[in-house]
Amino acid sequence: MPEPTRALTIATRFRGFLPVVVDVETAGFNPETDALLEIAAVPLGLGENQQLVRGETVNAHVIPFPGANLNPSALAFTGIDPYHPFRNALPEREALEVIFAPIRQAIRATNCTRAILVGHNPAFDLSFLKAAVARVGIKQNPFHSFTTFDTATLAGLAFGQTVLAKAVRAAGLAWDQDAAHSAIYDTESTADLFCAVVNRWDSVIGR
């Protein structure tokens, strides 16, 4: 008799990695000198019919680290006032722990080995994340140090679009330009895009 097929889990689907979609909003392009202002993350999992779905989003507003550069053009682009009294922002270490705690819990719960960052051009997000981790001295970063999933590349392959807004629309998903460039909205939109690509691929190959 043939051996029974092992049930697909999020751990077996991605070689032990838990995909976690991340987006950061910053005060510039240099992770060593420019402030990290917002971060949002959403772990992914398997839902009905083993379709990839997004889990619960976690986010934090971040107080610029001492001496951080605040590029006026970057702030104008994001619309973020770093010192607005109603931001409820946290120091970098506290903000990172708010993000990392549920990710570590999800890694344990799914029997994964660590998280893998999913992002739209994720090298940017990962560079700011790693720089902040180094600044505050967190010893165990739950994310893989260099491996990522890039939705710009995947959407270019699947839909012929690499700009996030155009890729989301090409995938048949809604896009609200007025809500864009907030960490939560961009993270959730990127998560839905990644799920759409993976689920479409899995249906093609009959996974």
C-alpha atoms as a PDB file:
ATOM      1  CA  MET A   1       0.000   0.000   0.000  1.00  0.00           C
ATOM      2  CA  PRO A   2       1.234   3.549  -0.732  1.00  0.00           C
ATOM      3  CA  GLU A   3       2.292   5.615   2.242  1.00  0.00           C
ATOM      4  CA  PRO A   4      -0.302   8.194   3.331  1.00  0.00           C
ATOM      5  CA  THR A   5       0.420  11.730   2.214  1.00  0.00           C
ATOM      6  CA  ARG A   6       1.651  13.896   5.048  1.00  0.00           C
ATOM      7  CA  ALA A   7      -0.769  16.749   5.819  1.00  0.00           C
ATOM      8  CA  LEU A   8       0.527  20.110   4.663  1.00  0.00           C
ATOM      9  CA  THR A   9       1.339  22.571   7.442  1.00  0.00           C
ATOM     10  CA  ILE A  10       2.721  26.078   7.335  1.00  0.00           C
ATOM     11  CA  ALA A  11       6.047  24.657   8.516  1.00  0.00           C
ATOM     12  CA  THR A  12       6.242  21.998   5.797  1.00  0.00           C
ATOM     13  CA  ARG A  13       5.014  24.430   3.125  1.00  0.00           C
ATOM     14  CA  PHE A  14       7.991  26.767   3.591  1.00  0.00           C
ATOM     15  CA  ARG A  15      10.773  24.440   4.747  1.00  0.00           C
ATOM     16  CA  GLY A  16      10.375  25.217   8.429  1.00  0.00           C
ATOM     17  CA  PHE A  17      10.035  28.961   8.004  1.00  0.00           C
ATOM     18  CA  LEU A  18       7.027  30.959   9.168  1.00  0.00           C
ATOM     19  CA  PRO A  19       6.282  33.707   6.620  1.00  0.00           C
ATOM     20  CA  VAL A  20       5.671  37.024   8.359  1.00  0.00           C
ATOM     21  CA  VAL A  21       4.808  40.076   6.288  1.00  0.00           C
ATOM     22  CA  VAL A  22       6.503  43.260   7.481  1.00  0.00           C
ATOM     23  CA  ASP A  23       6.362  46.900   6.473  1.00  0.00           C
ATOM     24  CA  VAL A  24       8.264  49.783   8.019  1.00  0.00           C
ATOM     25  CA  GLU A  25       7.819  53.530   7.670  1.00  0.00           C
ATOM     26  CA  THR A  26      10.994  55.525   8.121  1.00  0.00           C
ATOM     27  CA  ALA A  27      12.463  59.027   8.075  1.00  0.00           C
ATOM     28  CA  GLY A  28      14.849  58.266   5.233  1.00  0.00           C
ATOM     29  CA  PHE A  29      16.640  55.498   3.368  1.00  0.00           C
ATOM     30  CA  ASN A  30      19.702  54.862   5.562  1.00  0.00           C
ATOM     31  CA  PRO A  31      18.948  52.298   8.298  1.00  0.00           C
ATOM     32  CA  GLU A  32      22.002  53.325  10.306  1.00  0.00           C
ATOM     33  CA  THR A  33      21.186  57.045  10.531  1.00  0.00           C
ATOM     34  CA  ASP A  34      17.495  57.536   9.707  1.00  0.00           C
ATOM     35  CA  ALA A  35      14.694  56.967  12.198  1.00  0.00           C
ATOM     36  CA  LEU A  36      12.417  53.957  12.205  1.00  0.00           C
ATOM     37  CA  LEU A  37       8.942  55.437  12.768  1.00  0.00           C
ATOM     38  CA  GLU A  38       6.405  52.641  12.311  1.00  0.00           C
ATOM     39  CA  ILE A  39       6.478  48.879  11.974  1.00  0.00           C
ATOM     40  CA  ALA A  40       3.709  46.389  11.355  1.00  0.00           C
ATOM     41  CA  ALA A  41       3.804  42.624  10.960  1.00  0.00           C
ATOM     42  CA  VAL A  42       1.335  39.854  10.203  1.00  0.00           C
ATOM     43  CA  PRO A  43       2.137  36.127  10.418  1.00  0.00           C
ATOM     44  CA  LEU A  44       0.618  33.921   7.740  1.00  0.00           C
ATOM     45  CA  GLY A  45      -1.017  30.546   8.178  1.00  0.00           C
ATOM     46  CA  LEU A  46      -3.119  27.924   6.427  1.00  0.00           C
ATOM     47  CA  GLY A  47      -6.874  28.326   6.467  1.00  0.00           C
ATOM     48  CA  GLU A  48      -9.698  26.409   4.838  1.00  0.00           C
ATOM     49  CA  ASN A  49      -8.657  24.069   2.038  1.00  0.00           C
ATOM     50  CA  GLN A  50      -5.061  24.779   3.080  1.00  0.00           C
ATOM     51  CA  GLN A  51      -5.196  28.216   1.503  1.00  0.00           C
ATOM     52  CA  LEU A  52      -2.608  30.704   2.729  1.00  0.00           C
ATOM     53  CA  VAL A  53      -4.254  33.423   4.848  1.00  0.00           C
ATOM     54  CA  ARG A  54      -3.069  36.269   7.013  1.00  0.00           C
ATOM     55  CA  GLY A  55      -3.285  36.167  10.763  1.00  0.00           C
ATOM     56  CA  GLU A  56      -3.574  38.969  13.277  1.00  0.00           C
ATOM     57  CA  THR A  57      -1.689  42.176  12.551  1.00  0.00           C
ATOM     58  CA  VAL A  58       0.541  43.686  15.210  1.00  0.00           C
ATOM     59  CA  ASN A  59       1.987  47.182  14.951  1.00  0.00           C
ATOM     60  CA  ALA A  60       3.890  49.839  16.834  1.00  0.00           C
ATOM     61  CA  HIS A  61       4.723  53.513  16.425  1.00  0.00           C
ATOM     62  CA  VAL A  62       8.352  54.185  17.238  1.00  0.00           C
ATOM     63  CA  ILE A  63      10.082  57.118  18.936  1.00  0.00           C
ATOM     64  CA  PRO A  64      13.102  58.204  16.853  1.00  0.00           C
ATOM     65  CA  PHE A  65      16.298  56.967  18.450  1.00  0.00           C
ATOM     66  CA  PRO A  66      18.593  59.648  19.945  1.00  0.00           C
ATOM     67  CA  GLY A  67      20.412  61.520  17.198  1.00  0.00           C
ATOM     68  CA  ALA A  68      18.290  59.986  14.425  1.00  0.00           C
ATOM     69  CA  ASN A  69      18.052  61.831  11.133  1.00  0.00           C
ATOM     70  CA  LEU A  70      14.552  62.991  10.140  1.00  0.00           C
ATOM     71  CA  ASN A  71      14.479  63.700   6.437  1.00  0.00           C
ATOM     72  CA  PRO A  72      11.754  66.308   5.732  1.00  0.00           C
ATOM     73  CA  SER A  73      10.945  64.826   2.318  1.00  0.00           C
ATOM     74  CA  ALA A  74      10.473  61.365   3.834  1.00  0.00           C
ATOM     75  CA  LEU A  75       8.169  62.754   6.515  1.00  0.00           C
ATOM     76  CA  ALA A  76       6.169  64.635   3.895  1.00  0.00           C
ATOM     77  CA  PHE A  77       5.807  61.419   1.874  1.00  0.00           C
ATOM     78  CA  THR A  78       4.529  59.340   4.799  1.00  0.00           C
ATOM     79  CA  GLY A  79       2.630  62.143   6.518  1.00  0.00           C
ATOM     80  CA  ILE A  80       4.069  61.100   9.875  1.00  0.00           C
ATOM     81  CA  ASP A  81       4.716  63.636  12.630  1.00  0.00           C
ATOM     82  CA  PRO A  82       7.273  61.753  14.758  1.00  0.00           C
ATOM     83  CA  TYR A  83       6.496  63.760  17.881  1.00  0.00           C
ATOM     84  CA  HIS A  84       2.725  64.010  17.612  1.00  0.00           C
ATOM     85  CA  PRO A  85       1.335  63.567  21.142  1.00  0.00           C
ATOM     86  CA  PHE A  86      -1.328  61.076  20.038  1.00  0.00           C
ATOM     87  CA  ARG A  87       1.030  58.656  18.254  1.00  0.00           C
ATOM     88  CA  ASN A  88       1.477  56.623  21.470  1.00  0.00           C
ATOM     89  CA  ALA A  89       4.947  55.815  20.207  1.00  0.00           C
ATOM     90  CA  LEU A  90       7.363  53.512  22.024  1.00  0.00           C
ATOM     91  CA  PRO A  91      11.155  53.488  22.281  1.00  0.00           C
ATOM     92  CA  GLU A  92      12.739  51.186  19.714  1.00  0.00           C
ATOM     93  CA  ARG A  93      13.386  48.280  22.060  1.00  0.00           C
ATOM     94  CA  GLU A  94       9.842  48.274  23.438  1.00  0.00           C
ATOM     95  CA  ALA A  95       8.381  48.606  19.944  1.00  0.00           C
ATOM     96  CA  LEU A  96      10.418  45.677  18.659  1.00  0.00           C
ATOM     97  CA  GLU A  97       9.382  43.496  21.581  1.00  0.00           C
ATOM     98  CA  VAL A  98       5.725  44.312  20.863  1.00  0.00           C
ATOM     99  CA  ILE A  99       6.297  43.044  17.328  1.00  0.00           C
ATOM    100  CA  PHE A 100       8.569  40.105  18.154  1.00  0.00           C
ATOM    101  CA  ALA A 101       6.589  38.567  21.049  1.00  0.00           C
ATOM    102  CA  PRO A 102       3.615  37.296  18.992  1.00  0.00           C
ATOM    103  CA  ILE A 103       5.948  36.252  16.172  1.00  0.00           C
ATOM    104  CA  ARG A 104       8.006  34.098  18.545  1.00  0.00           C
ATOM    105  CA  GLN A 105       4.771  32.627  19.902  1.00  0.00           C
ATOM    106  CA  ALA A 106       3.572  31.839  16.366  1.00  0.00           C
ATOM    107  CA  ILE A 107       6.896  30.183  15.515  1.00  0.00           C
ATOM    108  CA  ARG A 108       6.555  27.878  18.513  1.00  0.00           C
ATOM    109  CA  ALA A 109       2.871  27.166  17.868  1.00  0.00           C
ATOM    110  CA  THR A 110       3.502  26.144  14.249  1.00  0.00           C
ATOM    111  CA  ASN A 111       6.673  24.122  14.896  1.00  0.00           C
ATOM    112  CA  CYS A 112       8.643  26.429  12.628  1.00  0.00           C
ATOM    113  CA  THR A 113      12.320  27.154  13.150  1.00  0.00           C
ATOM    114  CA  ARG A 114      12.192  30.908  12.605  1.00  0.00           C
ATOM    115  CA  ALA A 115      10.357  33.649  10.749  1.00  0.00           C
ATOM    116  CA  ILE A 116      11.088  34.675   7.179  1.00  0.00           C
ATOM    117  CA  LEU A 117      10.340  38.267   6.244  1.00  0.00           C
ATOM    118  CA  VAL A 118       7.888  38.816   3.422  1.00  0.00           C
ATOM    119  CA  GLY A 119       7.893  42.310   1.970  1.00  0.00           C
ATOM    120  CA  HIS A 120       7.560  44.444  -1.105  1.00  0.00           C
ATOM    121  CA  ASN A 121      11.248  45.026  -1.845  1.00  0.00           C
ATOM    122  CA  PRO A 122      12.030  43.421   1.538  1.00  0.00           C
ATOM    123  CA  ALA A 123      15.738  44.292   1.664  1.00  0.00           C
ATOM    124  CA  PHE A 124      14.692  47.772   2.788  1.00  0.00           C
ATOM    125  CA  ASP A 125      12.440  46.544   5.596  1.00  0.00           C
ATOM    126  CA  LEU A 126      14.930  43.930   6.753  1.00  0.00           C
ATOM    127  CA  SER A 127      17.806  46.434   6.810  1.00  0.00           C
ATOM    128  CA  PHE A 128      15.892  48.810   9.103  1.00  0.00           C
ATOM    129  CA  LEU A 129      14.744  45.942  11.291  1.00  0.00           C
ATOM    130  CA  LYS A 130      18.275  44.580  11.692  1.00  0.00           C
ATOM    131  CA  ALA A 131      19.730  48.039  12.375  1.00  0.00           C
ATOM    132  CA  ALA A 132      17.173  48.663  15.130  1.00  0.00           C
ATOM    133  CA  VAL A 133      17.814  45.222  16.646  1.00  0.00           C
ATOM    134  CA  ALA A 134      21.538  45.977  16.740  1.00  0.00           C
ATOM    135  CA  ARG A 135      21.019  49.433  18.266  1.00  0.00           C
ATOM    136  CA  VAL A 136      18.960  48.159  21.176  1.00  0.00           C
ATOM    137  CA  GLY A 137      20.938  44.962  21.739  1.00  0.00           C
ATOM    138  CA  ILE A 138      18.236  42.350  21.170  1.00  0.00           C
ATOM    139  CA  LYS A 139      20.129  39.061  21.014  1.00  0.00           C
ATOM    140  CA  GLN A 140      17.521  36.810  19.387  1.00  0.00           C
ATOM    141  CA  ASN A 141      15.973  38.267  16.269  1.00  0.00           C
ATOM    142  CA  PRO A 142      13.196  35.862  15.212  1.00  0.00           C
ATOM    143  CA  PHE A 143      13.748  36.656  11.522  1.00  0.00           C
ATOM    144  CA  HIS A 144      16.191  34.937   9.208  1.00  0.00           C
ATOM    145  CA  SER A 145      19.142  37.249   8.788  1.00  0.00           C
ATOM    146  CA  PHE A 146      19.102  37.440   4.986  1.00  0.00           C
ATOM    147  CA  THR A 147      16.497  35.176   3.363  1.00  0.00           C
ATOM    148  CA  THR A 148      13.253  36.910   2.361  1.00  0.00           C
ATOM    149  CA  PHE A 149      10.234  36.578   0.090  1.00  0.00           C
ATOM    150  CA  ASP A 150       9.884  39.535  -2.279  1.00  0.00           C
ATOM    151  CA  THR A 151       6.350  40.310  -3.472  1.00  0.00           C
ATOM    152  CA  ALA A 152       7.674  42.749  -6.074  1.00  0.00           C
ATOM    153  CA  THR A 153       9.438  39.859  -7.795  1.00  0.00           C
ATOM    154  CA  LEU A 154       6.576  37.418  -7.286  1.00  0.00           C
ATOM    155  CA  ALA A 155       3.950  39.889  -8.522  1.00  0.00           C
ATOM    156  CA  GLY A 156       6.109  40.665 -11.545  1.00  0.00           C
ATOM    157  CA  LEU A 157       6.095  36.966 -12.349  1.00  0.00           C
ATOM    158  CA  ALA A 158       2.415  36.324 -11.594  1.00  0.00           C
ATOM    159  CA  PHE A 159       0.764  39.560 -12.719  1.00  0.00           C
ATOM    160  CA  GLY A 160       3.337  41.546 -14.702  1.00  0.00           C
ATOM    161  CA  GLN A 161       3.347  44.341 -12.108  1.00  0.00           C
ATOM    162  CA  THR A 162       6.018  45.314  -9.575  1.00  0.00           C
ATOM    163  CA  VAL A 163       4.540  48.483  -8.039  1.00  0.00           C
ATOM    164  CA  LEU A 164       2.528  47.473  -4.965  1.00  0.00           C
ATOM    165  CA  ALA A 165      -0.651  49.376  -5.842  1.00  0.00           C
ATOM    166  CA  LYS A 166      -0.682  48.058  -9.418  1.00  0.00           C
ATOM    167  CA  ALA A 167       0.178  44.526  -8.337  1.00  0.00           C
ATOM    168  CA  VAL A 168      -2.620  44.468  -5.747  1.00  0.00           C
ATOM    169  CA  ARG A 169      -5.141  45.630  -8.339  1.00  0.00           C
ATOM    170  CA  ALA A 170      -3.815  43.143 -10.905  1.00  0.00           C
ATOM    171  CA  ALA A 171      -4.413  40.384  -8.356  1.00  0.00           C
ATOM    172  CA  GLY A 172      -8.071  41.440  -8.185  1.00  0.00           C
ATOM    173  CA  LEU A 173      -7.753  43.004  -4.751  1.00  0.00           C
ATOM    174  CA  ALA A 174      -8.874  46.430  -3.552  1.00  0.00           C
ATOM    175  CA  TRP A 175      -6.394  49.281  -3.153  1.00  0.00           C
ATOM    176  CA  ASP A 176      -7.107  52.516  -1.237  1.00  0.00           C
ATOM    177  CA  GLN A 177      -4.552  55.152  -2.208  1.00  0.00           C
ATOM    178  CA  ASP A 178      -5.605  57.403   0.680  1.00  0.00           C
ATOM    179  CA  ALA A 179      -4.768  54.664   3.197  1.00  0.00           C
ATOM    180  CA  ALA A 180      -1.430  53.735   1.619  1.00  0.00           C
ATOM    181  CA  HIS A 181       1.951  54.463   3.202  1.00  0.00           C
ATOM    182  CA  SER A 182       0.854  53.488   6.676  1.00  0.00           C
ATOM    183  CA  ALA A 183       2.646  50.435   8.025  1.00  0.00           C
ATOM    184  CA  ILE A 184      -0.576  48.576   8.828  1.00  0.00           C
ATOM    185  CA  TYR A 185      -2.248  49.138   5.471  1.00  0.00           C
ATOM    186  CA  ASP A 186       0.828  48.342   3.414  1.00  0.00           C
ATOM    187  CA  THR A 187       1.550  45.232   5.476  1.00  0.00           C
ATOM    188  CA  GLU A 188      -1.942  43.846   5.127  1.00  0.00           C
ATOM    189  CA  SER A 189      -2.062  44.659   1.410  1.00  0.00           C
ATOM    190  CA  THR A 190       1.310  42.980   0.876  1.00  0.00           C
ATOM    191  CA  ALA A 191       0.110  39.959   2.863  1.00  0.00           C
ATOM    192  CA  ASP A 192      -3.003  39.628   0.708  1.00  0.00           C
ATOM    193  CA  LEU A 193      -0.869  39.933  -2.425  1.00  0.00           C
ATOM    194  CA  PHE A 194       1.567  37.238  -1.272  1.00  0.00           C
ATOM    195  CA  CYS A 195      -1.312  34.921  -0.346  1.00  0.00           C
ATOM    196  CA  ALA A 196      -2.893  35.490  -3.760  1.00  0.00           C
ATOM    197  CA  VAL A 197       0.322  34.551  -5.562  1.00  0.00           C
ATOM    198  CA  VAL A 198       0.998  31.446  -3.451  1.00  0.00           C
ATOM    199  CA  ASN A 199      -2.600  30.231  -3.568  1.00  0.00           C
ATOM    200  CA  ARG A 200      -2.765  30.697  -7.330  1.00  0.00           C
ATOM    201  CA  TRP A 201       0.470  28.767  -7.773  1.00  0.00           C
ATOM    202  CA  ASP A 202      -0.671  25.970  -5.480  1.00  0.00           C
ATOM    203  CA  SER A 203      -3.925  25.619  -7.447  1.00  0.00           C
ATOM    204  CA  VAL A 204      -1.994  25.409 -10.726  1.00  0.00           C
ATOM    205  CA  ILE A 205       0.271  22.610  -9.536  1.00  0.00           C
ATOM    206  CA  GLY A 206      -2.547  20.881  -7.643  1.00  0.00           C
ATOM    207  CA  ARG A 207      -0.966  21.113  -4.219  1.00  0.00           C
END
